């Protein structure tokens, strides 16, 4: 007896497409006639996902475009209520669409796709589940939605990266995309610097300076994440792009230096020390470039050297450091009163505004403390599990990766080290653009395992 699958195959009907169209039609009917929520946005979003499904073999390109698309900032606005506007950027759309297509294919055509998952992904899913449970003790629903949005986007970014950046060619293009992003950030920082007349006002008003990616601190933290991987790419690369990668790396280091961010500069320095230790045959080159950079920086940016030395000499007594100690005390007080459950996803801002000063909307400058405040001891446990899993996986890869891939592996590992160090005292993984880039980057790093025995020049 002929089955439904035989019928569909005989007439070349794709069940995923047929089921998807039916689902869009049903959702559109329910949304437009029974609900008054987002009006036509839900069926429109489903239609976008369906169109993307038709080009599913090329959707990995969206992940390549995601980092530079963050530079465009928020430009999509959805009115949820008359006084609540939801803001989104193109990167969010890319991630949601690419992840949705994977799930779409798995639901409607399960035999054609095998999705990759790992312990880190399941830990992120458990973290999302805890965040959903925190709904029962939150104070502000809008902040709760924003907190959930971050976790969902990070989860989907990592999920999409694991399943799309699955071969060396795609990972390499993703790193080129990061290089372009680093170049754009550096140029914008230089422009702001010259716009302020080459003065130390660039540092003194650091927290008030914005570029397209966001605050200077977040933008510099993104540079610190990218630059070690670019150096690894430079030592691995043998093509015409090699000098351009080096130029972008040097411009990025200069931009980090000009920001006078203590934590950012120290994190980058320690990551580069790690690479200096690993690249034994390149130590002379390292030393020469370091000397040249310091010499040029001293000649052309002497005032910044003075500013940096001044900051370092007052690292424990300046206003910024004193405020950090005040923040830490506030964190400990919040944790003391909400140790088991936390205050709920996205709610930490309310407590900072209450205990520090009204209107203060900064996140905690430590991602372990952020998790502990948000979701209590269980949230902290999941974050610790994720960090340990990442570095265990790195250790496993280090013993297996082919010799031709080791420069790339070490560079990406150094970036993860920089993220971990910087996330203890400054911008953390809970910042939207920073977190998106990190989870996409991590998926590519994990997938280096698939290339551990391949030839360096096999790009297929």
Protein backbone atom coordinates (compact mmCIF):
# COMPACT_ATOMS: atom_id res chain seq x y z
CA UNK A 1 0.00 0.00 0.00
CA UNK A 2 1.44 3.38 -0.94
CA UNK A 3 2.25 5.58 2.02
CA UNK A 4 2.15 9.35 2.37
CA UNK A 5 5.93 9.53 2.06
CA UNK A 6 5.81 7.50 -1.19
CA UNK A 7 3.15 9.84 -2.55
CA UNK A 8 5.18 12.93 -1.64
CA UNK A 9 8.35 11.49 -3.17
CA UNK A 10 6.54 10.41 -6.33
CA UNK A 11 5.28 13.91 -7.02
CA UNK A 12 8.45 15.63 -5.71
CA UNK A 13 6.64 17.28 -2.81
CA UNK A 14 8.85 18.25 0.13
CA UNK A 15 7.03 17.53 3.38
CA UNK A 16 9.05 20.20 5.19
CA UNK A 17 7.84 22.83 2.72
CA UNK A 18 4.25 21.55 2.72
CA UNK A 19 4.06 21.30 6.50
CA UNK A 20 5.73 24.66 6.88
CA UNK A 21 3.21 26.41 4.65
CA UNK A 22 0.35 24.84 6.55
CA UNK A 23 1.89 25.95 9.84
CA UNK A 24 2.28 29.53 8.58
CA UNK A 25 -1.33 29.61 7.40
CA UNK A 26 -2.62 28.26 10.73
CA UNK A 27 -0.49 30.65 12.79
CA UNK A 28 -1.58 33.57 10.64
CA UNK A 29 -5.24 32.68 11.07
CA UNK A 30 -4.97 32.34 14.86
CA UNK A 31 -2.90 35.50 15.22
CA UNK A 32 -4.95 37.78 13.00
CA UNK A 33 -8.44 36.65 14.03
CA UNK A 34 -8.15 35.55 17.66
CA UNK A 35 -5.30 37.57 19.14
CA UNK A 36 -4.20 41.18 19.16
CA UNK A 37 -0.49 40.61 19.71
CA UNK A 38 2.12 41.97 17.33
CA UNK A 39 -0.53 41.94 14.58
CA UNK A 40 1.11 40.71 11.36
CA UNK A 41 4.65 40.33 12.79
CA UNK A 42 4.24 36.67 13.76
CA UNK A 43 3.06 35.39 10.35
CA UNK A 44 5.61 37.69 8.68
CA UNK A 45 8.40 36.16 10.78
CA UNK A 46 7.22 32.65 9.92
CA UNK A 47 7.17 33.56 6.24
CA UNK A 48 10.75 34.87 6.48
CA UNK A 49 11.84 31.59 8.07
CA UNK A 50 10.09 29.63 5.31
CA UNK A 51 11.81 31.64 2.57
CA UNK A 52 15.13 31.15 4.37
CA UNK A 53 14.44 27.41 4.46
CA UNK A 54 14.33 27.39 0.66
CA UNK A 55 17.98 28.56 0.74
CA UNK A 56 19.01 26.49 3.75
CA UNK A 57 22.25 25.28 2.17
CA UNK A 58 23.55 28.87 2.13
CA UNK A 59 22.29 30.01 5.53
CA UNK A 60 25.71 29.63 7.14
CA UNK A 61 26.55 32.91 5.39
CA UNK A 62 24.22 34.66 7.87
CA UNK A 63 26.54 33.69 10.72
CA UNK A 64 29.51 35.06 8.79
CA UNK A 65 27.66 38.36 8.44
CA UNK A 66 26.45 38.51 12.05
CA UNK A 67 29.51 40.17 13.72
CA UNK A 68 29.75 43.12 11.28
CA UNK A 69 25.96 43.49 11.30
CA UNK A 70 26.19 44.34 15.00
CA UNK A 71 27.89 47.58 13.96
CA UNK A 72 24.60 48.77 12.47
CA UNK A 73 23.03 48.96 15.94
CA UNK A 74 19.31 48.66 16.63
CA UNK A 75 17.12 49.67 13.73
CA UNK A 76 14.08 47.36 14.03
CA UNK A 77 11.33 48.53 16.37
CA UNK A 78 8.21 46.54 17.26
CA UNK A 79 5.44 48.14 19.28
CA UNK A 80 4.27 45.60 21.86
CA UNK A 81 2.12 48.05 23.84
CA UNK A 82 1.55 51.79 23.47
CA UNK A 83 4.51 52.52 25.78
CA UNK A 84 6.69 49.46 25.18
CA UNK A 85 8.83 49.37 22.04
CA UNK A 86 10.92 46.26 21.42
CA UNK A 87 14.25 47.05 19.76
CA UNK A 88 16.25 44.57 17.70
CA UNK A 89 19.25 44.56 15.39
CA UNK A 90 20.04 42.66 12.23
CA UNK A 91 22.33 40.22 14.06
CA UNK A 92 19.41 39.02 16.16
CA UNK A 93 17.37 38.39 13.01
CA UNK A 94 20.23 36.42 11.43
CA UNK A 95 20.60 34.21 14.50
CA UNK A 96 16.88 33.61 14.97
CA UNK A 97 16.33 32.78 11.30
CA UNK A 98 19.34 30.45 10.98
CA UNK A 99 18.45 28.56 14.18
CA UNK A 100 14.75 28.42 13.29
CA UNK A 101 15.53 26.82 9.92
CA UNK A 102 17.54 24.08 11.64
CA UNK A 103 14.61 23.34 13.95
CA UNK A 104 12.14 23.59 11.07
CA UNK A 105 14.05 20.96 9.12
CA UNK A 106 14.30 18.72 12.16
CA UNK A 107 10.54 18.90 12.81
CA UNK A 108 9.24 18.52 9.28
CA UNK A 109 12.03 16.45 7.73
CA UNK A 110 13.75 14.61 10.62
CA UNK A 111 15.42 11.96 8.51
CA UNK A 112 17.43 14.48 6.49
CA UNK A 113 19.33 16.24 9.28
CA UNK A 114 21.28 15.32 12.39
CA UNK A 115 21.73 18.26 14.72
CA UNK A 116 24.91 18.57 16.75
CA UNK A 117 24.57 19.17 20.48
CA UNK A 118 26.99 18.96 23.42
CA UNK A 119 27.14 19.41 27.19
CA UNK A 120 27.63 23.14 26.89
CA UNK A 121 24.44 23.51 24.84
CA UNK A 122 22.44 21.47 27.35
CA UNK A 123 23.85 23.53 30.23
CA UNK A 124 22.76 26.70 28.44
CA UNK A 125 19.30 25.16 27.99
CA UNK A 126 19.16 24.38 31.73
CA UNK A 127 20.17 27.99 32.45
CA UNK A 128 17.29 29.18 30.25
CA UNK A 129 14.90 26.87 32.13
CA UNK A 130 16.00 28.37 35.47
CA UNK A 131 15.52 31.85 34.02
CA UNK A 132 11.96 30.95 33.01
CA UNK A 133 11.23 29.67 36.52
CA UNK A 134 12.42 32.97 37.98
CA UNK A 135 9.26 34.56 36.53
CA UNK A 136 7.52 33.71 39.81
CA UNK A 137 9.69 36.08 41.88
CA UNK A 138 10.59 38.91 39.49
CA UNK A 139 9.82 42.60 40.12
CA UNK A 140 9.86 43.99 36.56
CA UNK A 141 8.38 42.05 33.63
CA UNK A 142 10.09 44.10 30.91
CA UNK A 143 13.53 43.53 32.40
CA UNK A 144 12.62 39.86 32.71
CA UNK A 145 11.85 39.73 28.97
CA UNK A 146 15.15 41.41 28.17
CA UNK A 147 17.03 38.98 30.42
CA UNK A 148 15.36 36.04 28.68
CA UNK A 149 16.14 37.57 25.29
CA UNK A 150 19.86 37.54 26.07
CA UNK A 151 19.88 33.90 27.17
CA UNK A 152 17.79 32.75 24.20
CA UNK A 153 19.96 34.59 21.69
CA UNK A 154 23.16 33.21 23.21
CA UNK A 155 21.73 29.69 23.23
CA UNK A 156 20.60 29.93 19.60
CA UNK A 157 23.88 31.55 18.52
CA UNK A 158 25.87 28.65 19.95
CA UNK A 159 23.40 26.09 18.55
CA UNK A 160 23.58 27.64 15.07
CA UNK A 161 27.36 27.94 15.19
CA UNK A 162 27.77 24.27 16.15
CA UNK A 163 25.66 23.21 13.18
CA UNK A 164 26.65 25.76 10.52
CA UNK A 165 30.33 26.56 11.16
CA UNK A 166 31.13 22.89 10.81
CA UNK A 167 34.06 22.88 8.43
CA UNK A 168 37.32 24.73 8.20
CA UNK A 169 36.36 26.90 5.24
CA UNK A 170 33.40 28.39 7.12
CA UNK A 171 35.41 28.86 10.32
CA UNK A 172 38.09 30.68 8.34
CA UNK A 173 35.53 33.01 6.74
CA UNK A 174 34.05 33.68 10.16
CA UNK A 175 37.48 34.75 11.42
CA UNK A 176 37.85 37.05 8.40
CA UNK A 177 34.46 38.52 9.36
CA UNK A 178 35.80 39.12 12.88
CA UNK A 179 38.86 40.79 11.35
CA UNK A 180 36.63 43.19 9.42
CA UNK A 181 34.63 43.87 12.59
CA UNK A 182 37.83 44.61 14.53
CA UNK A 183 38.99 46.98 11.80
CA UNK A 184 35.69 48.86 11.83
CA UNK A 185 35.72 49.18 15.63
CA UNK A 186 39.32 50.38 15.63
CA UNK A 187 38.62 53.02 12.98
CA UNK A 188 35.63 54.31 14.94
CA UNK A 189 37.72 54.52 18.13
CA UNK A 190 40.44 56.46 16.27
CA UNK A 191 37.81 58.79 14.85
CA UNK A 192 36.41 59.49 18.33
CA UNK A 193 39.94 60.06 19.59
CA UNK A 194 40.73 62.65 16.91
CA UNK A 195 37.26 64.16 17.25
CA UNK A 196 38.13 65.00 20.88
CA UNK A 197 41.31 66.77 19.77
CA UNK A 198 43.87 64.12 20.75
CA UNK A 199 43.25 64.88 24.42
CA UNK A 200 42.85 62.78 27.53
CA UNK A 201 39.16 63.70 27.51
CA UNK A 202 38.85 60.47 25.53
CA UNK A 203 39.69 58.66 28.73
CA UNK A 204 38.14 61.03 31.25
CA UNK A 205 34.74 60.78 29.52
CA UNK A 206 35.22 57.13 28.58
CA UNK A 207 31.92 55.87 30.00
CA UNK A 208 29.94 58.46 28.02
CA UNK A 209 31.51 57.78 24.62
CA UNK A 210 29.51 55.61 22.24
CA UNK A 211 30.25 54.12 18.84
CA UNK A 212 27.92 52.06 16.66
CA UNK A 213 28.54 48.85 18.62
CA UNK A 214 27.78 50.54 21.94
CA UNK A 215 29.88 51.98 24.80
CA UNK A 216 33.64 52.20 24.31
CA UNK A 217 34.21 49.65 27.10
CA UNK A 218 32.09 47.02 25.31
CA UNK A 219 33.69 47.79 21.95
CA UNK A 220 37.21 47.47 23.36
CA UNK A 221 36.25 44.21 25.08
CA UNK A 222 35.16 42.85 21.68
CA UNK A 223 38.56 43.83 20.29
CA UNK A 224 40.30 42.02 23.15
CA UNK A 225 38.28 38.91 22.31
CA UNK A 226 39.10 39.02 18.60
CA UNK A 227 42.76 40.11 18.49
CA UNK A 228 44.47 36.92 19.85
CA UNK A 229 42.55 34.82 17.32
CA UNK A 230 43.66 37.19 14.55
CA UNK A 231 47.28 36.74 15.58
CA UNK A 232 46.81 32.98 15.40
CA UNK A 233 45.21 33.41 11.98
CA UNK A 234 48.18 35.53 10.88
CA UNK A 235 50.75 32.88 11.85
CA UNK A 236 48.63 30.19 10.20
CA UNK A 237 47.74 32.09 7.00
CA UNK A 238 50.01 31.77 4.00
CA UNK A 239 48.02 33.70 1.39
CA UNK A 240 47.75 37.31 0.31
CA UNK A 241 45.58 38.25 3.28
CA UNK A 242 48.48 37.76 5.71
CA UNK A 243 49.78 41.40 5.79
CA UNK A 244 46.25 42.79 6.09
CA UNK A 245 45.56 40.55 9.09
CA UNK A 246 48.72 41.84 10.77
CA UNK A 247 47.75 45.45 10.04
CA UNK A 248 44.29 44.95 11.55
CA UNK A 249 45.86 43.29 14.60
CA UNK A 250 48.25 46.21 15.17
CA UNK A 251 45.49 48.80 14.73
CA UNK A 252 43.31 46.86 17.17
CA UNK A 253 46.08 46.71 19.80
CA UNK A 254 46.61 50.45 19.41
CA UNK A 255 42.87 51.06 19.85
CA UNK A 256 42.86 49.00 23.06
CA UNK A 257 45.86 50.96 24.31
CA UNK A 258 44.19 54.30 23.50
CA UNK A 259 41.10 53.33 25.51
CA UNK A 260 43.22 53.16 28.69
CA UNK A 261 41.05 50.32 29.95
CA UNK A 262 43.07 48.60 32.68
CA UNK A 263 41.21 45.26 32.58
CA UNK A 264 41.05 45.15 28.78
CA UNK A 265 44.75 45.91 28.36
CA UNK A 266 45.77 43.41 31.04
CA UNK A 267 43.56 40.65 29.57
CA UNK A 268 44.98 41.20 26.10
CA UNK A 269 48.53 41.30 27.45
CA UNK A 270 48.14 37.96 29.28
CA UNK A 271 46.55 36.34 26.22
CA UNK A 272 49.50 37.48 24.11
CA UNK A 273 51.92 36.18 26.75
CA UNK A 274 50.22 32.79 26.34
CA UNK A 275 50.79 32.96 22.58
CA UNK A 276 54.40 34.05 23.11
CA UNK A 277 54.89 30.90 25.17
CA UNK A 278 53.20 28.66 22.57
CA UNK A 279 54.76 30.11 19.43
CA UNK A 280 58.32 29.19 20.34
CA UNK A 281 59.63 29.62 16.81
CA UNK A 282 58.04 33.07 16.53
CA UNK A 283 59.38 34.60 19.74
CA UNK A 284 61.92 36.77 17.95
CA UNK A 285 59.19 38.15 15.69
CA UNK A 286 56.99 38.71 18.73
CA UNK A 287 59.74 40.60 20.51
CA UNK A 288 60.59 42.81 17.52
CA UNK A 289 56.97 43.75 16.88
CA UNK A 290 56.39 44.45 20.58
CA UNK A 291 59.44 46.71 20.73
CA UNK A 292 58.41 48.54 17.54
CA UNK A 293 54.85 49.01 18.78
CA UNK A 294 55.95 50.36 22.16
CA UNK A 295 58.44 52.72 20.53
CA UNK A 296 55.90 54.17 18.08
CA UNK A 297 53.24 54.40 20.79
CA UNK A 298 55.64 56.26 23.06
CA UNK A 299 56.67 58.70 20.31
CA UNK A 300 53.20 59.53 18.96
CA UNK A 301 51.03 58.96 22.04
CA UNK A 302 53.20 60.11 24.92
CA UNK A 303 50.27 61.71 26.75
CA UNK A 304 48.49 58.37 26.75
CA UNK A 305 51.51 56.69 28.26
CA UNK A 306 51.38 59.26 31.02
CA UNK A 307 47.66 58.66 31.46
CA UNK A 308 48.12 54.89 31.58
CA UNK A 309 50.94 55.08 34.12
CA UNK A 310 48.87 57.47 36.20
CA UNK A 311 45.94 55.06 36.17
CA UNK A 312 48.11 52.11 37.13
CA UNK A 313 49.67 54.04 40.00
CA UNK A 314 46.19 54.77 41.38
CA UNK A 315 44.61 51.43 40.55
CA UNK A 316 43.30 50.89 44.11
CA UNK A 317 42.48 54.49 45.04
CA UNK A 318 40.99 56.17 41.95
CA UNK A 319 37.26 56.92 41.68
CA UNK A 320 36.62 54.05 39.25
CA UNK A 321 38.25 51.45 41.48
CA UNK A 322 36.52 52.78 44.59
CA UNK A 323 33.18 52.55 42.83
CA UNK A 324 33.98 48.96 41.81
CA UNK A 325 34.49 48.12 45.49
CA UNK A 326 31.13 49.73 46.25
CA UNK A 327 29.54 47.65 43.50
CA UNK A 328 31.10 44.50 44.94
CA UNK A 329 29.68 45.26 48.37
CA UNK A 330 26.26 45.79 46.82
CA UNK A 331 26.57 42.46 44.99
CA UNK A 332 27.43 40.63 48.18
CA UNK A 333 24.45 42.15 49.98
CA UNK A 334 22.09 41.08 47.17
CA UNK A 335 23.57 37.56 47.13
CA UNK A 336 23.24 37.29 50.90
CA UNK A 337 19.49 37.91 50.69
CA UNK A 338 18.82 35.84 47.53
CA UNK A 339 21.45 33.11 47.65
CA UNK A 340 19.32 30.14 46.60
CA UNK A 341 17.04 31.52 43.88
CA UNK A 342 18.62 34.82 42.87
CA UNK A 343 16.60 37.93 42.09
CA UNK A 344 15.41 36.64 38.70
CA UNK A 345 16.46 37.10 35.09
CA UNK A 346 17.13 40.75 34.25
CA UNK A 347 16.23 42.03 37.74
CA UNK A 348 19.73 42.93 38.97
CA UNK A 349 19.44 46.42 37.46
CA UNK A 350 16.55 47.23 39.81
CA UNK A 351 18.63 46.40 42.86
CA UNK A 352 21.63 48.38 41.59
CA UNK A 353 19.38 51.37 40.99
CA UNK A 354 17.97 50.98 44.50
CA UNK A 355 21.20 50.42 46.44
CA UNK A 356 23.80 52.39 44.43
CA UNK A 357 21.95 55.37 43.00
CA UNK A 358 18.70 55.91 41.02
CA UNK A 359 18.91 55.32 37.28
CA UNK A 360 22.09 53.21 37.39
CA UNK A 361 21.58 50.50 34.74
CA UNK A 362 24.92 48.71 34.46
CA UNK A 363 25.39 44.97 34.67
CA UNK A 364 27.66 43.32 37.21
CA UNK A 365 31.35 43.44 36.22
CA UNK A 366 31.85 39.72 36.79
CA UNK A 367 29.93 37.00 34.97
CA UNK A 368 30.09 34.58 37.91
CA UNK A 369 28.52 37.17 40.20
CA UNK A 370 26.00 38.07 37.50
CA UNK A 371 24.81 34.47 37.32
CA UNK A 372 24.73 34.18 41.13
CA UNK A 373 22.65 37.34 41.52
CA UNK A 374 20.28 36.48 38.67
CA UNK A 375 19.63 32.78 39.28
CA UNK A 376 21.24 31.94 42.58
CA UNK A 377 23.56 29.09 43.39
CA UNK A 378 22.13 26.83 40.65
CA UNK A 379 22.76 29.49 38.00
CA UNK A 380 26.31 29.92 39.25
CA UNK A 381 26.80 26.15 39.18
CA UNK A 382 25.72 25.98 35.52
CA UNK A 383 28.07 28.81 34.54
CA UNK A 384 30.95 27.09 36.35
CA UNK A 385 30.08 23.87 34.53
CA UNK A 386 30.14 25.67 31.16
CA UNK A 387 33.54 27.30 31.86
CA UNK A 388 35.06 24.00 33.01
CA UNK A 389 33.60 22.20 29.97
CA UNK A 390 35.06 24.78 27.59
CA UNK A 391 38.59 24.45 28.92
CA UNK A 392 38.34 20.67 29.20
CA UNK A 393 37.33 20.60 25.54
CA UNK A 394 40.25 22.91 24.73
CA UNK A 395 42.64 20.58 26.54
CA UNK A 396 41.23 17.60 24.63
CA UNK A 397 41.55 19.43 21.31
CA UNK A 398 45.10 20.47 22.13
CA UNK A 399 46.16 16.86 22.29
CA UNK A 400 44.49 15.93 19.00
CA UNK A 401 44.68 18.95 16.69
CA UNK A 402 46.90 18.54 13.66
CA UNK A 403 50.18 20.45 13.61
CA UNK A 404 49.07 22.61 10.67
CA UNK A 405 46.06 23.82 12.66
CA UNK A 406 47.85 24.55 15.93
CA UNK A 407 48.52 28.28 15.28
CA UNK A 408 44.82 28.78 14.65
CA UNK A 409 43.87 26.66 17.67
CA UNK A 410 46.25 28.51 20.00
CA UNK A 411 45.05 31.90 18.77
CA UNK A 412 41.39 31.01 19.36
CA UNK A 413 42.24 29.51 22.75
CA UNK A 414 44.07 32.71 23.70
CA UNK A 415 40.90 34.63 22.81
CA UNK A 416 38.90 32.43 25.19
CA UNK A 417 41.48 33.10 27.91
CA UNK A 418 41.14 36.86 27.31
CA UNK A 419 37.34 36.61 27.54
CA UNK A 420 37.55 34.70 30.81
CA UNK A 421 40.01 37.18 32.36
CA UNK A 422 38.23 40.32 31.18
CA UNK A 423 34.89 38.91 32.29
CA UNK A 424 36.02 38.89 35.92
CA UNK A 425 36.33 42.66 36.24
CA UNK A 426 34.75 44.36 33.23
CA UNK A 427 32.43 43.66 30.29
CA UNK A 428 30.93 40.20 30.64
CA UNK A 429 29.22 37.61 28.50
CA UNK A 430 25.85 39.09 29.47
CA UNK A 431 26.41 42.12 27.23
CA UNK A 432 24.39 41.55 24.05
CA UNK A 433 26.88 42.19 21.18
CA UNK A 434 29.79 40.75 23.18
CA UNK A 435 27.85 37.59 24.06
CA UNK A 436 26.62 37.00 20.50
CA UNK A 437 30.14 37.15 19.08
CA UNK A 438 31.48 34.94 21.87
CA UNK A 439 28.98 32.10 21.43
CA UNK A 440 29.38 32.11 17.65
CA UNK A 441 33.15 32.08 18.15
CA UNK A 442 32.95 29.21 20.65
CA UNK A 443 30.94 27.05 18.25
CA UNK A 444 33.62 27.50 15.58
CA UNK A 445 36.34 26.69 18.12
CA UNK A 446 34.60 23.46 19.16
CA UNK A 447 34.25 22.46 15.51
CA UNK A 448 38.00 22.66 14.97
CA UNK A 449 37.90 19.06 16.13
CA UNK A 450 36.42 18.08 12.78
CA UNK A 451 39.49 19.48 11.02
CA UNK A 452 42.15 18.00 13.26
CA UNK A 453 43.39 15.51 10.66
CA UNK A 454 42.67 17.48 7.49
CA UNK A 455 45.28 19.03 5.23
CA UNK A 456 45.84 22.73 5.81
CA UNK A 457 44.92 23.63 2.26
CA UNK A 458 41.77 21.52 2.01
CA UNK A 459 39.05 24.20 1.92
CA UNK A 460 36.20 21.97 0.75
